[in-house]
């Protein structure tokens, strides 16, 4: 996994859909079984925004941005089914998102804007990684073993993860999906008063 460098007290964050229990533990155990060294460092998830470095002074803006995105999206259902791979481009085997793709794509697009705007190295493809940084034999085994996997769960929120000094990714805050449309911008009241006074 490529991680952006941190300087000083910068924070390394990511945004994702958490995979709930019992599926989370099952997928983490599978990743461990395939010998992935990141199995105990990264909880099973569907990435919405990959590792990103932010200044501590920008965190409040990030939280406000994520609150707005979450409010504008409805809860949805995800179906994980079968295995896939990014080989030969990248040595990764994953469980495929068979339902909930459009919702994940919409969230990813809206999250990756404003204060979190950035370019992607690859086209966005929602998935749950089960093997990475392992040899070809382990990747083959993961692809075959997970080919019959299936899990269905509701997504009520998106989660902000932070990368600790111990290299563990931990969810630090959730943002509930509200299903309400984004409110229209409210005109600046001072500007409105000035305009009224000028016209009067």
N, C-alpha and C. Protein backbone atom coordinates (compact mmCIF):
# COMPACT_ATOMS: atom_id res chain seq x y z
N UNK A 1 0.84 -1.19 0.00
CA UNK A 1 0.00 0.00 0.00
C UNK A 1 0.87 1.24 0.00
N UNK A 2 0.60 2.15 -0.92
CA UNK A 2 1.33 3.41 -0.99
C UNK A 2 0.71 4.41 -0.03
N UNK A 3 1.53 4.92 0.88
CA UNK A 3 1.04 5.88 1.87
C UNK A 3 1.70 7.24 1.63
N UNK A 4 0.91 8.31 1.58
CA UNK A 4 1.50 9.64 1.43
C UNK A 4 2.31 10.00 2.67
N UNK A 5 3.42 10.69 2.44
CA UNK A 5 4.28 11.08 3.55
C UNK A 5 3.60 12.12 4.44
N UNK A 6 3.85 11.99 5.75
CA UNK A 6 3.38 12.98 6.71
C UNK A 6 4.54 13.87 7.13
N UNK A 7 4.24 15.14 7.40
CA UNK A 7 5.24 16.07 7.90
C UNK A 7 4.71 16.69 9.19
N UNK A 8 5.57 16.73 10.21
CA UNK A 8 5.17 17.34 11.47
C UNK A 8 3.99 16.62 12.09
N UNK A 9 2.93 17.38 12.43
CA UNK A 9 1.78 16.78 13.09
C UNK A 9 0.61 16.54 12.12
N UNK A 10 0.91 16.42 10.83
CA UNK A 10 -0.13 16.11 9.86
C UNK A 10 -0.79 14.77 10.19
N UNK A 11 -2.05 14.61 9.78
CA UNK A 11 -2.79 13.37 10.01
C UNK A 11 -2.95 12.64 8.68
N UNK A 12 -2.87 11.33 8.74
CA UNK A 12 -3.13 10.50 7.56
C UNK A 12 -4.50 9.85 7.74
N UNK A 13 -5.43 10.18 6.87
CA UNK A 13 -6.80 9.71 7.02
C UNK A 13 -7.26 8.94 5.78
N UNK A 14 -8.39 8.25 5.93
CA UNK A 14 -9.06 7.60 4.82
C UNK A 14 -10.55 7.56 5.13
N UNK A 15 -11.38 7.45 4.10
CA UNK A 15 -12.82 7.38 4.28
C UNK A 15 -13.30 6.07 3.67
N UNK A 16 -14.18 5.36 4.39
CA UNK A 16 -14.58 4.05 3.91
C UNK A 16 -15.94 3.64 4.47
N UNK A 17 -16.49 2.62 3.85
CA UNK A 17 -17.64 1.89 4.38
C UNK A 17 -17.08 0.73 5.18
N UNK A 18 -17.41 0.66 6.46
CA UNK A 18 -16.94 -0.46 7.28
C UNK A 18 -17.77 -1.71 6.97
N UNK A 19 -17.13 -2.86 6.94
CA UNK A 19 -17.84 -4.13 6.80
C UNK A 19 -18.22 -4.60 8.20
N UNK A 20 -19.51 -4.74 8.48
CA UNK A 20 -19.94 -5.06 9.85
C UNK A 20 -19.73 -6.53 10.19
N UNK A 21 -19.90 -6.83 11.48
CA UNK A 21 -19.84 -8.22 11.94
C UNK A 21 -21.12 -8.96 11.53
N UNK A 22 -21.02 -10.27 11.30
CA UNK A 22 -19.84 -11.12 11.48
C UNK A 22 -18.90 -11.13 10.27
N UNK A 23 -19.28 -10.40 9.22
CA UNK A 23 -18.53 -10.46 7.97
C UNK A 23 -17.14 -9.86 8.10
N UNK A 24 -17.02 -8.80 8.91
CA UNK A 24 -15.72 -8.18 9.08
C UNK A 24 -14.68 -9.14 9.62
N UNK A 25 -15.03 -9.86 10.67
CA UNK A 25 -14.09 -10.83 11.26
C UNK A 25 -13.78 -11.96 10.29
N UNK A 26 -14.79 -12.40 9.55
CA UNK A 26 -14.59 -13.48 8.57
C UNK A 26 -13.58 -13.06 7.50
N UNK A 27 -13.74 -11.84 6.98
CA UNK A 27 -12.86 -11.38 5.92
C UNK A 27 -11.46 -11.07 6.44
N UNK A 28 -11.37 -10.59 7.66
CA UNK A 28 -10.06 -10.36 8.26
C UNK A 28 -9.32 -11.68 8.48
N UNK A 29 -10.07 -12.70 8.93
CA UNK A 29 -9.47 -14.03 9.12
C UNK A 29 -9.00 -14.60 7.79
N UNK A 30 -9.78 -14.37 6.74
CA UNK A 30 -9.39 -14.86 5.41
C UNK A 30 -8.10 -14.17 4.96
N UNK A 31 -8.03 -12.88 5.15
CA UNK A 31 -6.83 -12.13 4.74
C UNK A 31 -5.61 -12.62 5.52
N UNK A 32 -5.82 -12.92 6.79
CA UNK A 32 -4.73 -13.46 7.61
C UNK A 32 -4.32 -14.84 7.10
N UNK A 33 -5.32 -15.63 6.71
CA UNK A 33 -5.07 -17.00 6.22
C UNK A 33 -4.23 -16.99 4.94
N UNK A 34 -4.40 -15.96 4.13
CA UNK A 34 -3.65 -15.88 2.87
C UNK A 34 -2.25 -15.28 3.07
N UNK A 35 -1.91 -14.98 4.32
CA UNK A 35 -0.57 -14.49 4.64
C UNK A 35 -0.35 -13.02 4.40
N UNK A 36 -1.44 -12.26 4.29
CA UNK A 36 -1.31 -10.83 4.04
C UNK A 36 -0.78 -10.12 5.29
N UNK A 37 0.36 -9.43 5.19
CA UNK A 37 0.94 -8.77 6.37
C UNK A 37 0.10 -7.59 6.89
N UNK A 38 -0.88 -7.15 6.09
CA UNK A 38 -1.72 -6.02 6.50
C UNK A 38 -3.03 -6.47 7.15
N UNK A 39 -3.20 -7.79 7.30
CA UNK A 39 -4.49 -8.33 7.78
C UNK A 39 -4.92 -7.73 9.11
N UNK A 40 -4.00 -7.54 10.02
CA UNK A 40 -4.35 -7.04 11.35
C UNK A 40 -4.18 -5.53 11.48
N UNK A 41 -3.81 -4.87 10.38
CA UNK A 41 -3.59 -3.43 10.41
C UNK A 41 -4.72 -2.65 9.75
N UNK A 42 -5.50 -3.34 8.90
CA UNK A 42 -6.55 -2.66 8.14
C UNK A 42 -7.87 -3.41 8.29
N UNK A 43 -8.86 -2.87 8.98
CA UNK A 43 -10.16 -3.54 9.09
C UNK A 43 -10.80 -3.66 7.71
N UNK A 44 -11.55 -4.75 7.47
CA UNK A 44 -12.23 -4.91 6.18
C UNK A 44 -13.13 -3.71 5.89
N UNK A 45 -13.06 -3.21 4.67
CA UNK A 45 -13.76 -1.98 4.32
C UNK A 45 -13.90 -1.85 2.81
N UNK A 46 -14.77 -0.94 2.40
CA UNK A 46 -14.85 -0.50 1.00
C UNK A 46 -14.33 0.93 0.98
N UNK A 47 -13.22 1.15 0.32
CA UNK A 47 -12.62 2.48 0.30
C UNK A 47 -13.50 3.48 -0.46
N UNK A 48 -13.66 4.66 0.13
CA UNK A 48 -14.32 5.78 -0.55
C UNK A 48 -13.30 6.88 -0.85
N UNK A 49 -12.29 7.02 0.00
CA UNK A 49 -11.17 7.93 -0.24
C UNK A 49 -9.93 7.28 0.34
N UNK A 50 -8.93 7.06 -0.50
CA UNK A 50 -7.71 6.40 -0.06
C UNK A 50 -6.88 7.27 0.87
N UNK A 51 -5.74 6.75 1.35
CA UNK A 51 -4.91 7.47 2.30
C UNK A 51 -4.60 8.90 1.84
N UNK A 52 -4.90 9.85 2.72
CA UNK A 52 -4.78 11.27 2.41
C UNK A 52 -4.20 11.99 3.61
N UNK A 53 -3.26 12.87 3.38
CA UNK A 53 -2.64 13.64 4.47
C UNK A 53 -3.34 14.99 4.59
N UNK A 54 -3.72 15.34 5.81
CA UNK A 54 -4.36 16.64 6.06
C UNK A 54 -3.69 17.33 7.25
N UNK A 55 -3.74 18.64 7.22
CA UNK A 55 -3.24 19.42 8.34
C UNK A 55 -4.27 19.36 9.48
N UNK A 56 -3.82 19.32 10.73
CA UNK A 56 -4.76 19.31 11.86
C UNK A 56 -5.73 20.48 11.81
N UNK A 57 -5.27 21.63 11.32
CA UNK A 57 -6.13 22.82 11.26
C UNK A 57 -7.24 22.67 10.22
N UNK A 58 -7.12 21.68 9.34
CA UNK A 58 -8.13 21.47 8.29
C UNK A 58 -9.14 20.39 8.68
N UNK A 59 -8.93 19.73 9.81
CA UNK A 59 -9.80 18.61 10.18
C UNK A 59 -11.25 19.03 10.37
N UNK A 60 -11.47 20.21 10.94
CA UNK A 60 -12.84 20.67 11.14
C UNK A 60 -13.54 20.85 9.79
N UNK A 61 -12.81 21.39 8.81
CA UNK A 61 -13.38 21.53 7.47
C UNK A 61 -13.67 20.17 6.84
N UNK A 62 -12.79 19.21 7.09
CA UNK A 62 -13.01 17.86 6.59
C UNK A 62 -14.28 17.26 7.19
N UNK A 63 -14.44 17.43 8.50
CA UNK A 63 -15.63 16.90 9.18
C UNK A 63 -16.91 17.54 8.63
N UNK A 64 -16.89 18.86 8.42
CA UNK A 64 -18.05 19.55 7.89
C UNK A 64 -18.38 19.06 6.48
N UNK A 65 -17.34 18.86 5.69
CA UNK A 65 -17.51 18.35 4.33
C UNK A 65 -18.15 16.97 4.34
N UNK A 66 -17.66 16.09 5.21
CA UNK A 66 -18.20 14.73 5.29
C UNK A 66 -19.63 14.73 5.83
N UNK A 67 -19.92 15.63 6.74
CA UNK A 67 -21.30 15.75 7.25
C UNK A 67 -22.25 16.12 6.11
N UNK A 68 -21.83 17.07 5.28
CA UNK A 68 -22.67 17.49 4.15
C UNK A 68 -22.88 16.35 3.17
N UNK A 69 -21.80 15.64 2.86
CA UNK A 69 -21.90 14.51 1.93
C UNK A 69 -22.84 13.44 2.49
N UNK A 70 -22.67 13.11 3.76
CA UNK A 70 -23.48 12.06 4.38
C UNK A 70 -24.95 12.45 4.43
N UNK A 71 -25.23 13.71 4.75
CA UNK A 71 -26.62 14.17 4.81
C UNK A 71 -27.32 14.04 3.47
N UNK A 72 -26.57 14.19 2.41
CA UNK A 72 -27.16 14.21 1.07
C UNK A 72 -27.35 12.82 0.48
N UNK A 73 -26.96 11.77 1.21
CA UNK A 73 -27.03 10.40 0.68
C UNK A 73 -27.93 9.54 1.56
N UNK A 74 -28.66 8.64 0.95
CA UNK A 74 -29.52 7.72 1.69
C UNK A 74 -28.76 6.46 2.09
N UNK A 75 -29.13 5.82 3.20
CA UNK A 75 -28.57 4.51 3.52
C UNK A 75 -28.84 3.55 2.36
N UNK A 76 -27.98 2.56 2.23
CA UNK A 76 -28.14 1.61 1.12
C UNK A 76 -27.67 0.23 1.52
N UNK A 77 -27.88 -0.72 0.65
CA UNK A 77 -27.52 -2.12 0.93
C UNK A 77 -26.36 -2.53 0.02
N UNK A 78 -25.45 -3.28 0.59
CA UNK A 78 -24.31 -3.82 -0.16
C UNK A 78 -24.41 -5.33 -0.21
N UNK A 79 -24.13 -5.86 -1.36
CA UNK A 79 -23.98 -7.31 -1.53
C UNK A 79 -22.56 -7.57 -2.01
N UNK A 80 -21.80 -8.31 -1.21
CA UNK A 80 -20.47 -8.77 -1.61
C UNK A 80 -20.62 -10.17 -2.18
N UNK A 81 -20.04 -10.40 -3.35
CA UNK A 81 -20.19 -11.72 -3.96
C UNK A 81 -19.00 -12.03 -4.86
N UNK A 82 -18.40 -13.18 -4.66
CA UNK A 82 -17.35 -13.72 -5.52
C UNK A 82 -16.05 -12.92 -5.39
N UNK A 83 -15.04 -13.37 -6.11
CA UNK A 83 -13.72 -12.77 -6.02
C UNK A 83 -13.36 -12.07 -7.32
N UNK A 84 -12.39 -11.17 -7.22
CA UNK A 84 -11.86 -10.47 -8.38
C UNK A 84 -10.41 -10.15 -8.12
N UNK A 85 -9.74 -9.61 -9.14
CA UNK A 85 -8.32 -9.31 -8.99
C UNK A 85 -7.94 -8.12 -9.86
N UNK A 86 -6.94 -7.37 -9.40
CA UNK A 86 -6.40 -6.27 -10.19
C UNK A 86 -5.13 -6.70 -10.94
N UNK A 87 -4.78 -7.97 -10.86
CA UNK A 87 -3.61 -8.43 -11.61
C UNK A 87 -3.87 -8.32 -13.11
N UNK A 88 -2.86 -8.06 -13.92
CA UNK A 88 -1.43 -7.89 -13.59
C UNK A 88 -1.04 -6.47 -13.19
N UNK A 89 -2.00 -5.53 -13.19
CA UNK A 89 -1.65 -4.15 -12.87
C UNK A 89 -1.21 -4.02 -11.42
N UNK A 90 -1.91 -4.71 -10.52
CA UNK A 90 -1.60 -4.63 -9.09
C UNK A 90 -1.84 -6.00 -8.45
N UNK A 91 -0.95 -6.47 -7.56
CA UNK A 91 -1.09 -7.80 -6.96
C UNK A 91 -2.12 -7.81 -5.84
N UNK A 92 -3.38 -7.69 -6.20
CA UNK A 92 -4.47 -7.60 -5.23
C UNK A 92 -5.59 -8.55 -5.63
N UNK A 93 -6.11 -9.29 -4.65
CA UNK A 93 -7.34 -10.09 -4.82
C UNK A 93 -8.36 -9.51 -3.86
N UNK A 94 -9.61 -9.43 -4.32
CA UNK A 94 -10.64 -8.78 -3.52
C UNK A 94 -11.97 -9.52 -3.67
N UNK A 95 -12.89 -9.19 -2.76
CA UNK A 95 -14.27 -9.63 -2.89
C UNK A 95 -15.02 -8.52 -3.61
N UNK A 96 -15.82 -8.89 -4.58
CA UNK A 96 -16.48 -7.90 -5.42
C UNK A 96 -17.73 -7.32 -4.76
N UNK A 97 -17.97 -6.05 -5.03
CA UNK A 97 -19.24 -5.41 -4.65
C UNK A 97 -20.21 -5.66 -5.80
N UNK A 98 -21.21 -6.51 -5.54
CA UNK A 98 -22.18 -6.86 -6.59
C UNK A 98 -23.41 -5.96 -6.55
N UNK A 99 -23.70 -5.39 -5.38
CA UNK A 99 -24.81 -4.45 -5.23
C UNK A 99 -24.34 -3.32 -4.33
N UNK A 100 -24.71 -2.09 -4.69
CA UNK A 100 -24.25 -0.92 -3.96
C UNK A 100 -23.15 -0.18 -4.69
N UNK A 101 -22.84 -0.61 -5.92
CA UNK A 101 -21.76 0.02 -6.68
C UNK A 101 -22.07 1.49 -6.96
N UNK A 102 -23.28 1.75 -7.47
CA UNK A 102 -23.63 3.13 -7.83
C UNK A 102 -23.58 4.05 -6.62
N UNK A 103 -24.05 3.56 -5.47
CA UNK A 103 -24.04 4.37 -4.25
C UNK A 103 -22.60 4.67 -3.80
N UNK A 104 -21.73 3.66 -3.87
CA UNK A 104 -20.33 3.87 -3.50
C UNK A 104 -19.67 4.86 -4.46
N UNK A 105 -19.94 4.73 -5.74
CA UNK A 105 -19.36 5.64 -6.73
C UNK A 105 -19.81 7.08 -6.50
N UNK A 106 -21.09 7.24 -6.17
CA UNK A 106 -21.62 8.58 -5.91
C UNK A 106 -20.97 9.19 -4.67
N UNK A 107 -20.85 8.40 -3.60
CA UNK A 107 -20.21 8.89 -2.38
C UNK A 107 -18.74 9.25 -2.65
N UNK A 108 -18.06 8.37 -3.35
CA UNK A 108 -16.64 8.61 -3.64
C UNK A 108 -16.44 9.92 -4.40
N UNK A 109 -17.30 10.16 -5.38
CA UNK A 109 -17.21 11.37 -6.20
C UNK A 109 -17.40 12.63 -5.35
N UNK A 110 -18.42 12.59 -4.48
CA UNK A 110 -18.73 13.76 -3.67
C UNK A 110 -17.71 13.97 -2.55
N UNK A 111 -17.20 12.88 -1.99
CA UNK A 111 -16.16 13.01 -0.95
C UNK A 111 -14.89 13.61 -1.55
N UNK A 112 -14.53 13.17 -2.75
CA UNK A 112 -13.29 13.62 -3.38
C UNK A 112 -13.50 14.97 -4.09
N UNK A 113 -13.94 15.94 -3.31
CA UNK A 113 -14.18 17.29 -3.81
C UNK A 113 -13.90 18.27 -2.68
N UNK A 114 -13.97 19.56 -3.00
CA UNK A 114 -13.77 20.56 -1.96
C UNK A 114 -12.44 20.40 -1.24
N UNK A 115 -12.50 20.35 0.08
CA UNK A 115 -11.30 20.26 0.89
C UNK A 115 -10.55 18.94 0.68
N UNK A 116 -11.24 17.92 0.15
CA UNK A 116 -10.60 16.62 -0.10
C UNK A 116 -10.41 16.34 -1.59
N UNK A 117 -10.44 17.36 -2.41
CA UNK A 117 -10.26 17.18 -3.86
C UNK A 117 -8.87 16.63 -4.16
N UNK A 118 -8.81 15.64 -5.04
CA UNK A 118 -7.53 15.05 -5.45
C UNK A 118 -7.73 14.21 -6.71
N UNK A 119 -6.63 13.94 -7.40
CA UNK A 119 -6.67 13.10 -8.59
C UNK A 119 -6.48 11.64 -8.19
N UNK A 120 -7.06 10.73 -8.98
CA UNK A 120 -6.92 9.30 -8.73
C UNK A 120 -5.81 8.70 -9.59
N UNK A 121 -5.09 7.74 -9.03
CA UNK A 121 -4.09 7.00 -9.82
C UNK A 121 -4.76 6.00 -10.74
N UNK A 122 -5.86 5.41 -10.27
CA UNK A 122 -6.62 4.43 -11.05
C UNK A 122 -8.09 4.80 -10.97
N UNK A 123 -8.87 4.31 -11.93
CA UNK A 123 -10.31 4.51 -11.87
C UNK A 123 -10.87 3.87 -10.60
N UNK A 124 -11.85 4.52 -10.00
CA UNK A 124 -12.43 4.00 -8.76
C UNK A 124 -13.21 2.72 -9.02
N UNK A 125 -12.96 1.72 -8.17
CA UNK A 125 -13.65 0.43 -8.29
C UNK A 125 -13.91 -0.10 -6.88
N UNK A 126 -15.14 0.02 -6.37
CA UNK A 126 -15.41 -0.42 -4.99
C UNK A 126 -15.17 -1.93 -4.82
N UNK A 127 -14.51 -2.30 -3.72
CA UNK A 127 -14.17 -3.70 -3.47
C UNK A 127 -13.71 -3.84 -2.02
N UNK A 128 -13.54 -5.08 -1.58
CA UNK A 128 -12.98 -5.37 -0.25
C UNK A 128 -11.75 -6.25 -0.45
N UNK A 129 -10.59 -5.71 -0.15
CA UNK A 129 -9.34 -6.46 -0.35
C UNK A 129 -9.23 -7.63 0.61
N UNK A 130 -8.79 -8.78 0.08
CA UNK A 130 -8.56 -9.96 0.93
C UNK A 130 -7.13 -10.49 0.80
N UNK A 131 -6.36 -9.99 -0.16
CA UNK A 131 -4.96 -10.40 -0.29
C UNK A 131 -4.19 -9.33 -1.04
N UNK A 132 -3.07 -8.91 -0.43
CA UNK A 132 -2.23 -7.87 -1.01
C UNK A 132 -0.82 -8.08 -0.46
N UNK A 133 0.17 -7.78 -1.28
CA UNK A 133 1.57 -7.93 -0.87
C UNK A 133 1.89 -9.36 -0.46
N UNK A 134 1.35 -10.32 -1.22
CA UNK A 134 1.68 -11.74 -1.02
C UNK A 134 2.11 -12.30 -2.37
N UNK A 135 2.66 -13.52 -2.37
CA UNK A 135 3.16 -14.09 -3.62
C UNK A 135 2.02 -14.59 -4.51
N UNK A 136 2.35 -14.96 -5.74
CA UNK A 136 1.35 -15.36 -6.72
C UNK A 136 0.55 -16.57 -6.27
N UNK A 137 1.21 -17.50 -5.61
CA UNK A 137 0.51 -18.69 -5.14
C UNK A 137 -0.58 -18.32 -4.13
N UNK A 138 -0.26 -17.42 -3.21
CA UNK A 138 -1.25 -16.99 -2.21
C UNK A 138 -2.37 -16.21 -2.89
N UNK A 139 -2.05 -15.40 -3.89
CA UNK A 139 -3.08 -14.66 -4.62
C UNK A 139 -4.01 -15.63 -5.36
N UNK A 140 -3.44 -16.66 -5.96
CA UNK A 140 -4.27 -17.66 -6.65
C UNK A 140 -5.21 -18.35 -5.67
N UNK A 141 -4.67 -18.69 -4.51
CA UNK A 141 -5.48 -19.39 -3.50
C UNK A 141 -6.60 -18.49 -2.99
N UNK A 142 -6.29 -17.22 -2.78
CA UNK A 142 -7.31 -16.28 -2.32
C UNK A 142 -8.41 -16.12 -3.35
N UNK A 143 -8.02 -16.04 -4.61
CA UNK A 143 -9.00 -15.87 -5.69
C UNK A 143 -9.94 -17.07 -5.74
N UNK A 144 -9.38 -18.26 -5.59
CA UNK A 144 -10.21 -19.48 -5.65
C UNK A 144 -11.05 -19.65 -4.39
N UNK A 145 -10.43 -19.45 -3.23
CA UNK A 145 -11.15 -19.67 -1.98
C UNK A 145 -12.32 -18.71 -1.79
N UNK A 146 -12.19 -17.48 -2.29
CA UNK A 146 -13.24 -16.47 -2.08
C UNK A 146 -14.24 -16.41 -3.23
N UNK A 147 -14.09 -17.30 -4.20
CA UNK A 147 -14.98 -17.25 -5.37
C UNK A 147 -16.44 -17.50 -5.02
N UNK A 148 -16.69 -18.25 -3.94
CA UNK A 148 -18.06 -18.53 -3.54
C UNK A 148 -18.55 -17.66 -2.39
N UNK A 149 -17.76 -16.66 -2.03
CA UNK A 149 -18.13 -15.83 -0.87
C UNK A 149 -19.33 -14.95 -1.18
N UNK A 150 -20.20 -14.75 -0.17
CA UNK A 150 -21.33 -13.84 -0.31
C UNK A 150 -21.71 -13.27 1.06
N UNK A 151 -21.98 -11.99 1.08
CA UNK A 151 -22.42 -11.31 2.31
C UNK A 151 -23.28 -10.12 1.92
N UNK A 152 -24.35 -9.91 2.68
CA UNK A 152 -25.24 -8.79 2.43
C UNK A 152 -25.39 -7.99 3.73
N UNK A 153 -25.29 -6.67 3.64
CA UNK A 153 -25.43 -5.85 4.84
C UNK A 153 -25.87 -4.43 4.47
N UNK A 154 -26.44 -3.74 5.47
CA UNK A 154 -26.87 -2.37 5.29
C UNK A 154 -25.71 -1.41 5.59
N UNK A 155 -25.71 -0.29 4.90
CA UNK A 155 -24.71 0.75 5.13
C UNK A 155 -25.43 1.99 5.67
N UNK A 156 -25.35 2.23 6.99
CA UNK A 156 -26.04 3.39 7.58
C UNK A 156 -25.16 4.63 7.67
N UNK A 157 -23.83 4.46 7.44
CA UNK A 157 -22.91 5.58 7.67
C UNK A 157 -21.62 5.36 6.90
N UNK A 158 -20.87 6.43 6.72
CA UNK A 158 -19.51 6.32 6.22
C UNK A 158 -18.58 6.63 7.38
N UNK A 159 -17.36 6.10 7.33
CA UNK A 159 -16.44 6.20 8.47
C UNK A 159 -15.15 6.90 8.09
N UNK A 160 -14.69 7.75 9.01
CA UNK A 160 -13.39 8.40 8.89
C UNK A 160 -12.38 7.55 9.65
N UNK A 161 -11.35 7.09 8.95
CA UNK A 161 -10.28 6.30 9.56
C UNK A 161 -9.04 7.17 9.71
N UNK A 162 -8.25 6.84 10.74
CA UNK A 162 -6.97 7.51 10.91
C UNK A 162 -5.87 6.47 11.06
N UNK A 163 -4.73 6.74 10.44
CA UNK A 163 -3.59 5.83 10.46
C UNK A 163 -2.69 6.19 11.63
N UNK A 164 -2.56 5.25 12.58
CA UNK A 164 -1.78 5.51 13.78
C UNK A 164 -0.29 5.32 13.59
N UNK A 165 0.48 5.76 14.58
CA UNK A 165 1.93 5.57 14.54
C UNK A 165 2.31 4.10 14.61
N UNK A 166 1.37 3.25 15.04
CA UNK A 166 1.62 1.80 15.08
C UNK A 166 1.21 1.14 13.76
N UNK A 167 0.89 1.95 12.74
CA UNK A 167 0.51 1.48 11.40
C UNK A 167 -0.88 0.85 11.33
N UNK A 168 -1.66 0.97 12.37
CA UNK A 168 -3.03 0.43 12.37
C UNK A 168 -4.01 1.53 11.93
N UNK A 169 -4.91 1.15 11.02
CA UNK A 169 -6.00 2.04 10.60
C UNK A 169 -7.18 1.82 11.53
N UNK A 170 -7.67 2.91 12.14
CA UNK A 170 -8.79 2.81 13.09
C UNK A 170 -9.89 3.79 12.71
N UNK A 171 -11.15 3.35 12.79
CA UNK A 171 -12.25 4.30 12.59
C UNK A 171 -12.32 5.25 13.78
N UNK A 172 -12.35 6.56 13.52
CA UNK A 172 -12.37 7.54 14.60
C UNK A 172 -13.67 8.34 14.64
N UNK A 173 -14.44 8.32 13.56
CA UNK A 173 -15.72 9.02 13.56
C UNK A 173 -16.59 8.49 12.43
N UNK A 174 -17.89 8.40 12.70
CA UNK A 174 -18.82 7.99 11.64
C UNK A 174 -19.74 9.15 11.29
N UNK A 175 -20.22 9.14 10.05
CA UNK A 175 -21.10 10.19 9.55
C UNK A 175 -22.34 9.50 8.99
N UNK A 176 -23.46 9.69 9.68
CA UNK A 176 -24.69 8.96 9.36
C UNK A 176 -25.26 9.45 8.04
N UNK A 177 -25.63 8.49 7.20
CA UNK A 177 -26.27 8.82 5.93
C UNK A 177 -27.71 9.23 6.21
N UNK A 178 -28.05 10.46 5.83
CA UNK A 178 -29.34 11.01 6.24
C UNK A 178 -30.45 10.90 5.24
N UNK A 179 -30.12 10.76 3.96
CA UNK A 179 -31.16 10.65 2.97
C UNK A 179 -31.85 11.95 2.67
N UNK A 180 -31.38 13.07 3.24
CA UNK A 180 -32.02 14.37 3.00
C UNK A 180 -31.22 15.11 1.94
N UNK A 181 -31.89 15.86 1.06
CA UNK A 181 -31.16 16.62 0.04
C UNK A 181 -30.32 17.72 0.67
N UNK A 182 -29.26 18.07 0.01
CA UNK A 182 -28.40 19.15 0.48
C UNK A 182 -29.18 20.46 0.51
N UNK A 183 -29.22 21.17 1.65
CA UNK A 183 -29.97 22.42 1.71
C UNK A 183 -29.39 23.47 0.77
N UNK A 184 -30.26 24.33 0.25
CA UNK A 184 -29.79 25.39 -0.63
C UNK A 184 -28.97 26.39 0.17
N UNK A 185 -28.04 27.03 -0.51
CA UNK A 185 -27.19 28.01 0.16
C UNK A 185 -28.04 29.16 0.68
N UNK A 186 -27.76 29.60 1.91
CA UNK A 186 -28.47 30.73 2.51
C UNK A 186 -27.69 32.00 2.18
N UNK A 187 -28.34 33.03 1.61
CA UNK A 187 -27.62 34.26 1.27
C UNK A 187 -27.00 34.88 2.51
N UNK A 188 -25.88 35.51 2.31
CA UNK A 188 -25.21 36.21 3.41
C UNK A 188 -26.11 37.35 3.91
N UNK A 189 -26.47 37.34 5.19
CA UNK A 189 -27.43 38.32 5.72
C UNK A 189 -26.88 39.74 5.69
N UNK A 190 -25.58 39.89 5.98
CA UNK A 190 -25.00 41.22 5.96
C UNK A 190 -25.06 41.79 4.55
N UNK A 191 -24.73 40.95 3.57
CA UNK A 191 -24.78 41.39 2.17
C UNK A 191 -26.19 41.79 1.79
N UNK A 192 -27.20 41.02 2.26
CA UNK A 192 -28.59 41.32 1.95
C UNK A 192 -29.01 42.67 2.54
N UNK A 193 -28.56 42.96 3.78
CA UNK A 193 -28.89 44.23 4.43
C UNK A 193 -28.27 45.41 3.69
N UNK A 194 -27.01 45.22 3.28
CA UNK A 194 -26.31 46.28 2.56
C UNK A 194 -27.00 46.57 1.25
N UNK A 195 -27.38 45.49 0.54
CA UNK A 195 -28.06 45.66 -0.74
C UNK A 195 -29.40 46.39 -0.55
N UNK A 196 -30.16 45.99 0.48
CA UNK A 196 -31.46 46.62 0.75
C UNK A 196 -31.30 48.10 1.06
N UNK A 197 -30.28 48.42 1.86
CA UNK A 197 -30.04 49.80 2.23
C UNK A 197 -29.65 50.64 1.02
N UNK A 198 -28.85 50.03 0.14
CA UNK A 198 -28.42 50.73 -1.07
C UNK A 198 -29.59 51.01 -1.99
N UNK A 199 -30.45 49.99 -2.14
CA UNK A 199 -31.61 50.15 -3.03
C UNK A 199 -32.63 51.12 -2.45
N UNK A 200 -32.70 51.22 -1.08
CA UNK A 200 -33.67 52.10 -0.43
C UNK A 200 -33.24 53.53 -0.57
